[in-house]
Amino acid sequence: MQMREVAEILHAVPMTAYDETAMSHELYSVFATDLMSDALAMIQNDEENTLLLTGLCNTQTLRTAEMLDVRCIVFVRGKYLLDDAINMANDMNLICLATDLTMYEACGRLYMKGLSGIYG
């Protein structure tokens, strides 16, 4: 599933700069958590095709994504990064989107459209 499809399904808006190539980034799995320690424990390194769904809207999330080579993050529950974090995410070439959906509903919508969990 392409990142643009995720944005449409979740009615998500971009927070970081992106181009058409970034939005065509292919995603094969999703992991949802507000605990970055869970992300570090569960997501294998070099997971650029994994989407991270979280409500933890801070630089810790960005650093965790960078360490795991996750390129795409969707922040749920209407949470938005502050300007300094947006600049940091742009420098890291992360695609960051925001949706008003809860994590439960966002996961359900993506699952119904065929995006599996990291062990799916």
Protein backbone atom coordinates (compact mmCIF):
# COMPACT_ATOMS: atom_id res chain seq x y z
CA MET A 1 0.00 0.00 0.00
CA GLN A 2 1.37 3.41 -0.90
CA MET A 3 1.68 6.23 1.61
CA ARG A 4 -0.84 8.31 -0.38
CA GLU A 5 -3.40 5.52 0.11
CA VAL A 6 -2.76 5.55 3.85
CA ALA A 7 -3.34 9.31 3.89
CA GLU A 8 -6.66 8.89 2.05
CA ILE A 9 -7.88 6.00 4.21
CA LEU A 10 -7.07 7.84 7.44
CA HIS A 11 -8.06 11.32 6.22
CA ALA A 12 -4.58 12.35 7.30
CA VAL A 13 -2.89 15.65 6.60
CA PRO A 14 0.84 16.11 6.05
CA MET A 15 3.01 17.83 8.62
CA THR A 16 6.33 17.49 6.84
CA ALA A 17 7.46 18.45 3.38
CA TYR A 18 7.09 15.71 0.83
CA ASP A 19 7.07 15.14 -2.88
CA GLU A 20 5.21 12.75 -5.14
CA THR A 21 7.97 10.16 -4.80
CA ALA A 22 7.61 10.16 -1.01
CA MET A 23 3.85 9.66 -1.19
CA SER A 24 4.31 6.69 -3.50
CA HIS A 25 6.53 5.03 -0.86
CA GLU A 26 5.37 1.43 -0.56
CA LEU A 27 4.34 0.15 2.89
CA TYR A 28 3.99 -3.55 3.72
CA SER A 29 3.18 -3.47 7.42
CA VAL A 30 2.12 -1.25 10.31
CA PHE A 31 3.01 -1.11 13.99
CA ALA A 32 0.91 0.90 16.44
CA THR A 33 2.18 1.98 19.85
CA ASP A 34 2.62 4.92 22.16
CA LEU A 35 5.61 3.22 23.79
CA MET A 36 8.79 3.74 21.82
CA SER A 37 10.43 0.98 23.86
CA ASP A 38 7.88 -1.41 22.28
CA ALA A 39 8.77 -0.10 18.84
CA LEU A 40 12.47 -0.67 19.54
CA ALA A 41 11.77 -4.19 20.80
CA MET A 42 9.32 -5.27 18.10
CA ILE A 43 10.33 -3.59 14.85
CA GLN A 44 13.37 -5.08 13.18
CA ASN A 45 16.07 -2.74 11.87
CA ASP A 46 15.86 -1.72 8.22
CA GLU A 47 12.07 -1.51 8.23
CA GLU A 48 11.65 1.37 5.81
CA ASN A 49 8.45 -0.26 4.56
CA THR A 50 6.78 -0.25 7.99
CA LEU A 51 4.34 2.48 9.00
CA LEU A 52 4.48 3.65 12.62
CA LEU A 53 1.15 4.74 14.11
CA THR A 54 1.42 6.60 17.40
CA GLY A 55 -0.05 9.25 19.63
CA LEU A 56 3.36 10.11 21.08
CA CYS A 57 4.00 13.38 19.33
CA ASN A 58 7.55 14.42 20.15
CA THR A 59 11.17 14.19 19.03
CA GLN A 60 11.63 10.84 20.82
CA THR A 61 9.31 9.29 18.24
CA LEU A 62 11.32 10.82 15.40
CA ARG A 63 14.60 9.54 16.81
CA THR A 64 13.13 6.07 17.30
CA ALA A 65 11.89 6.00 13.71
CA GLU A 66 15.30 7.08 12.48
CA MET A 67 17.05 4.36 14.49
CA LEU A 68 14.72 1.72 13.03
CA ASP A 69 14.84 3.09 9.47
CA VAL A 70 11.07 3.68 9.59
CA ARG A 71 10.31 6.44 7.07
CA CYS A 72 6.59 7.02 7.65
CA ILE A 73 4.74 8.05 10.82
CA VAL A 74 1.06 8.81 11.33
CA PHE A 75 0.18 10.63 14.54
CA VAL A 76 -3.32 9.77 15.77
CA ARG A 77 -5.89 11.51 17.96
CA GLY A 78 -5.39 14.90 16.30
CA LYS A 79 -1.86 15.37 17.58
CA TYR A 80 0.60 17.55 15.70
CA LEU A 81 4.33 18.05 15.96
CA LEU A 82 5.66 21.41 17.11
CA ASP A 83 7.60 23.49 14.59
CA ASP A 84 11.05 22.43 15.85
CA ALA A 85 10.06 18.76 15.59
CA ILE A 86 8.67 19.31 12.08
CA ASN A 87 12.02 20.83 11.07
CA MET A 88 13.80 17.85 12.61
CA ALA A 89 11.53 15.40 10.76
CA ASN A 90 12.16 17.23 7.48
CA ASP A 91 15.93 17.03 8.07
CA MET A 92 15.52 13.27 8.66
CA ASN A 93 13.41 12.88 5.50
CA LEU A 94 10.53 11.41 7.50
CA ILE A 95 7.00 11.51 6.18
CA CYS A 96 4.78 12.62 9.07
CA LEU A 97 1.00 12.80 8.82
CA ALA A 98 -1.71 13.55 11.37
CA THR A 99 -5.21 12.12 11.66
CA ASP A 100 -8.07 12.87 14.04
CA LEU A 101 -8.88 9.15 14.24
CA THR A 102 -8.13 7.13 17.36
CA MET A 103 -5.38 4.55 17.10
CA TYR A 104 -7.99 1.77 17.26
CA GLU A 105 -9.98 3.15 14.35
CA ALA A 106 -6.87 3.96 12.29
CA CYS A 107 -5.58 0.40 12.74
CA GLY A 108 -8.98 -1.05 11.87
CA ARG A 109 -9.27 0.97 8.67
CA LEU A 110 -5.78 0.00 7.51
CA TYR A 111 -6.36 -3.65 8.37
CA MET A 112 -9.63 -3.68 6.43
CA LYS A 113 -7.77 -2.31 3.39
CA GLY A 114 -5.17 -5.10 3.58
CA LEU A 115 -2.23 -3.61 5.46
CA SER A 116 -0.95 -6.22 7.90
CA GLY A 117 0.75 -5.89 11.26
CA ILE A 118 4.49 -6.40 11.51
CA TYR A 119 4.00 -10.14 12.01
CA GLY A 120 1.10 -10.48 9.55
